[in-house]
Amino acid sequence: MTTPKDMVTILERLDGGQIVSPDASKEILAIMKRCRDDSGIRRRMGDLMIVNKTGALDALRSDLGIVYSKGGRIAMAITVDGMPKSDYGPDNAGCLLIAELAKMLVEGLAK
């Protein structure tokens, strides 16, 4: 069990080269950069570089990542739970909400 705060702490340490070793941290970030699930954080970010990892359970969608914006790096972990309908498509309510929240975070914090 974890929390979004725990995940953001891990992302920040990963980006700082403090997980296992600097080289291992870089490799983990390189793997996360290749994520092709663009249903959440990546959905509305355009050409910004993003490293992320998505997750899903029946009524839950989650995405955590770092957005490398022009205003700086923004680490985020967003989880949506209690969705009334189990839908694994890219346009389900949870993914759409994650995309909107991520966009708001970047717009608000990248200034």
C-alpha atoms as a PDB file:
ATOM      1  CA  MET A   1       0.000   0.000   0.000  1.00  0.00           C
ATOM      2  CA  THR A   2       1.221   3.480  -0.840  1.00  0.00           C
ATOM      3  CA  THR A   3       0.057   7.065  -1.147  1.00  0.00           C
ATOM      4  CA  PRO A   4       0.450   9.663  -3.906  1.00  0.00           C
ATOM      5  CA  LYS A   5       2.807  11.553  -1.566  1.00  0.00           C
ATOM      6  CA  ASP A   6       5.004   8.425  -1.291  1.00  0.00           C
ATOM      7  CA  MET A   7       5.048   8.100  -5.072  1.00  0.00           C
ATOM      8  CA  VAL A   8       6.032  11.745  -5.599  1.00  0.00           C
ATOM      9  CA  THR A   9       8.843  11.332  -3.062  1.00  0.00           C
ATOM     10  CA  ILE A  10      10.105   8.299  -4.974  1.00  0.00           C
ATOM     11  CA  LEU A  11       9.889  10.195  -8.282  1.00  0.00           C
ATOM     12  CA  GLU A  12      11.839  13.135  -6.856  1.00  0.00           C
ATOM     13  CA  ARG A  13      14.545  10.837  -5.494  1.00  0.00           C
ATOM     14  CA  LEU A  14      14.642   8.955  -8.793  1.00  0.00           C
ATOM     15  CA  ASP A  15      15.079  12.201 -10.730  1.00  0.00           C
ATOM     16  CA  GLY A  16      17.843  13.200  -8.309  1.00  0.00           C
ATOM     17  CA  GLY A  17      19.728   9.937  -8.900  1.00  0.00           C
ATOM     18  CA  GLN A  18      19.071   8.749  -5.356  1.00  0.00           C
ATOM     19  CA  ILE A  19      17.309   5.446  -6.044  1.00  0.00           C
ATOM     20  CA  VAL A  20      19.771   2.535  -5.837  1.00  0.00           C
ATOM     21  CA  SER A  21      22.447   4.459  -7.778  1.00  0.00           C
ATOM     22  CA  PRO A  22      22.610   7.380 -10.200  1.00  0.00           C
ATOM     23  CA  ASP A  23      23.037   5.007 -13.150  1.00  0.00           C
ATOM     24  CA  ALA A  24      20.124   2.799 -12.082  1.00  0.00           C
ATOM     25  CA  SER A  25      17.964   5.899 -11.555  1.00  0.00           C
ATOM     26  CA  LYS A  26      18.752   7.092 -15.093  1.00  0.00           C
ATOM     27  CA  GLU A  27      17.872   3.684 -16.517  1.00  0.00           C
ATOM     28  CA  ILE A  28      14.552   3.581 -14.646  1.00  0.00           C
ATOM     29  CA  LEU A  29      13.690   7.053 -15.968  1.00  0.00           C
ATOM     30  CA  ALA A  30      14.638   5.962 -19.499  1.00  0.00           C
ATOM     31  CA  ILE A  31      12.251   3.016 -19.209  1.00  0.00           C
ATOM     32  CA  MET A  32       9.470   5.251 -17.877  1.00  0.00           C
ATOM     33  CA  LYS A  33      10.057   7.702 -20.740  1.00  0.00           C
ATOM     34  CA  ARG A  34       9.143   4.918 -23.182  1.00  0.00           C
ATOM     35  CA  CYS A  35       5.658   4.498 -21.651  1.00  0.00           C
ATOM     36  CA  ARG A  36       3.155   4.722 -24.484  1.00  0.00           C
ATOM     37  CA  ASP A  37      -0.025   4.960 -22.416  1.00  0.00           C
ATOM     38  CA  ASP A  38      -1.142   8.490 -23.184  1.00  0.00           C
ATOM     39  CA  SER A  39      -4.575   8.238 -21.600  1.00  0.00           C
ATOM     40  CA  GLY A  40      -3.652  10.151 -18.417  1.00  0.00           C
ATOM     41  CA  ILE A  41      -0.800  12.554 -17.679  1.00  0.00           C
ATOM     42  CA  ARG A  42       0.506  12.486 -21.264  1.00  0.00           C
ATOM     43  CA  ARG A  43      -2.898  13.160 -22.866  1.00  0.00           C
ATOM     44  CA  ARG A  44      -2.786  16.973 -22.908  1.00  0.00           C
ATOM     45  CA  MET A  45       0.937  17.716 -22.576  1.00  0.00           C
ATOM     46  CA  GLY A  46       1.858  18.198 -26.238  1.00  0.00           C
ATOM     47  CA  ASP A  47       5.576  17.886 -26.878  1.00  0.00           C
ATOM     48  CA  LEU A  48       6.727  18.115 -23.259  1.00  0.00           C
ATOM     49  CA  MET A  49       9.019  15.335 -22.108  1.00  0.00           C
ATOM     50  CA  ILE A  50       7.289  13.057 -19.635  1.00  0.00           C
ATOM     51  CA  VAL A  51       8.285   9.959 -17.697  1.00  0.00           C
ATOM     52  CA  ASN A  52       5.346   8.091 -16.227  1.00  0.00           C
ATOM     53  CA  LYS A  53       3.836   4.820 -15.079  1.00  0.00           C
ATOM     54  CA  THR A  54       0.139   4.060 -15.247  1.00  0.00           C
ATOM     55  CA  GLY A  55      -1.908   1.581 -13.247  1.00  0.00           C
ATOM     56  CA  ALA A  56      -5.474   0.302 -13.153  1.00  0.00           C
ATOM     57  CA  LEU A  57      -7.835  -1.835 -11.142  1.00  0.00           C
ATOM     58  CA  ASP A  58     -11.543  -2.273 -11.835  1.00  0.00           C
ATOM     59  CA  ALA A  59     -12.726   1.017 -10.291  1.00  0.00           C
ATOM     60  CA  LEU A  60      -9.332   2.740 -10.045  1.00  0.00           C
ATOM     61  CA  ARG A  61      -6.994   4.519 -12.442  1.00  0.00           C
ATOM     62  CA  SER A  62      -3.608   5.903 -11.499  1.00  0.00           C
ATOM     63  CA  ASP A  63      -0.771   7.683 -13.237  1.00  0.00           C
ATOM     64  CA  LEU A  64       2.440   8.990 -11.751  1.00  0.00           C
ATOM     65  CA  GLY A  65       5.182  10.817 -13.492  1.00  0.00           C
ATOM     66  CA  ILE A  66       7.416  13.798 -14.007  1.00  0.00           C
ATOM     67  CA  VAL A  67       6.552  16.466 -16.545  1.00  0.00           C
ATOM     68  CA  TYR A  68       9.605  18.380 -17.734  1.00  0.00           C
ATOM     69  CA  SER A  69       7.937  21.726 -18.414  1.00  0.00           C
ATOM     70  CA  LYS A  70       9.545  24.948 -19.560  1.00  0.00           C
ATOM     71  CA  GLY A  71       9.097  26.235 -16.010  1.00  0.00           C
ATOM     72  CA  GLY A  72      10.781  23.218 -14.419  1.00  0.00           C
ATOM     73  CA  ARG A  73      10.132  19.629 -13.425  1.00  0.00           C
ATOM     74  CA  ILE A  74       6.761  18.755 -11.962  1.00  0.00           C
ATOM     75  CA  ALA A  75       6.367  15.407 -10.189  1.00  0.00           C
ATOM     76  CA  MET A  76       2.815  14.182  -9.709  1.00  0.00           C
ATOM     77  CA  ALA A  77       0.891  11.097  -8.677  1.00  0.00           C
ATOM     78  CA  ILE A  78      -2.835  11.105  -9.393  1.00  0.00           C
ATOM     79  CA  THR A  79      -5.214   8.310  -8.414  1.00  0.00           C
ATOM     80  CA  VAL A  80      -8.926   8.210  -9.179  1.00  0.00           C
ATOM     81  CA  ASP A  81     -10.947   5.589  -7.308  1.00  0.00           C
ATOM     82  CA  GLY A  82     -14.610   4.683  -7.049  1.00  0.00           C
ATOM     83  CA  MET A  83     -15.437   4.848 -10.731  1.00  0.00           C
ATOM     84  CA  PRO A  84     -19.025   3.578 -11.103  1.00  0.00           C
ATOM     85  CA  LYS A  85     -18.268   1.597 -14.266  1.00  0.00           C
ATOM     86  CA  SER A  86     -15.286  -0.666 -14.963  1.00  0.00           C
ATOM     87  CA  ASP A  87     -13.989   0.633 -18.297  1.00  0.00           C
ATOM     88  CA  TYR A  88     -10.462  -0.103 -19.492  1.00  0.00           C
ATOM     89  CA  GLY A  89     -10.724   2.117 -22.570  1.00  0.00           C
ATOM     90  CA  PRO A  90      -8.562   5.233 -22.911  1.00  0.00           C
ATOM     91  CA  ASP A  91     -11.549   7.574 -22.600  1.00  0.00           C
ATOM     92  CA  ASN A  92     -12.900   6.296 -19.294  1.00  0.00           C
ATOM     93  CA  ALA A  93     -13.838   8.851 -16.642  1.00  0.00           C
ATOM     94  CA  GLY A  94     -10.750   8.185 -14.499  1.00  0.00           C
ATOM     95  CA  CYS A  95      -8.243   8.735 -17.297  1.00  0.00           C
ATOM     96  CA  LEU A  96     -10.021  11.873 -18.461  1.00  0.00           C
ATOM     97  CA  LEU A  97      -9.959  13.283 -14.926  1.00  0.00           C
ATOM     98  CA  ILE A  98      -6.263  12.441 -14.519  1.00  0.00           C
ATOM     99  CA  ALA A  99      -5.517  14.242 -17.796  1.00  0.00           C
ATOM    100  CA  GLU A 100      -7.407  17.350 -16.706  1.00  0.00           C
ATOM    101  CA  LEU A 101      -5.800  17.427 -13.259  1.00  0.00           C
ATOM    102  CA  ALA A 102      -2.316  16.957 -14.748  1.00  0.00           C
ATOM    103  CA  LYS A 103      -2.923  19.811 -17.190  1.00  0.00           C
ATOM    104  CA  MET A 104      -4.091  22.085 -14.343  1.00  0.00           C
ATOM    105  CA  LEU A 105      -1.036  21.193 -12.248  1.00  0.00           C
ATOM    106  CA  VAL A 106       1.387  21.943 -15.074  1.00  0.00           C
ATOM    107  CA  GLU A 107      -0.356  25.174 -16.037  1.00  0.00           C
ATOM    108  CA  GLY A 108      -0.402  26.321 -12.422  1.00  0.00           C
ATOM    109  CA  LEU A 109       3.051  25.226 -11.352  1.00  0.00           C
ATOM    110  CA  ALA A 110       5.124  25.840 -14.500  1.00  0.00           C
ATOM    111  CA  LYS A 111       4.758  29.625 -14.331  1.00  0.00           C
END
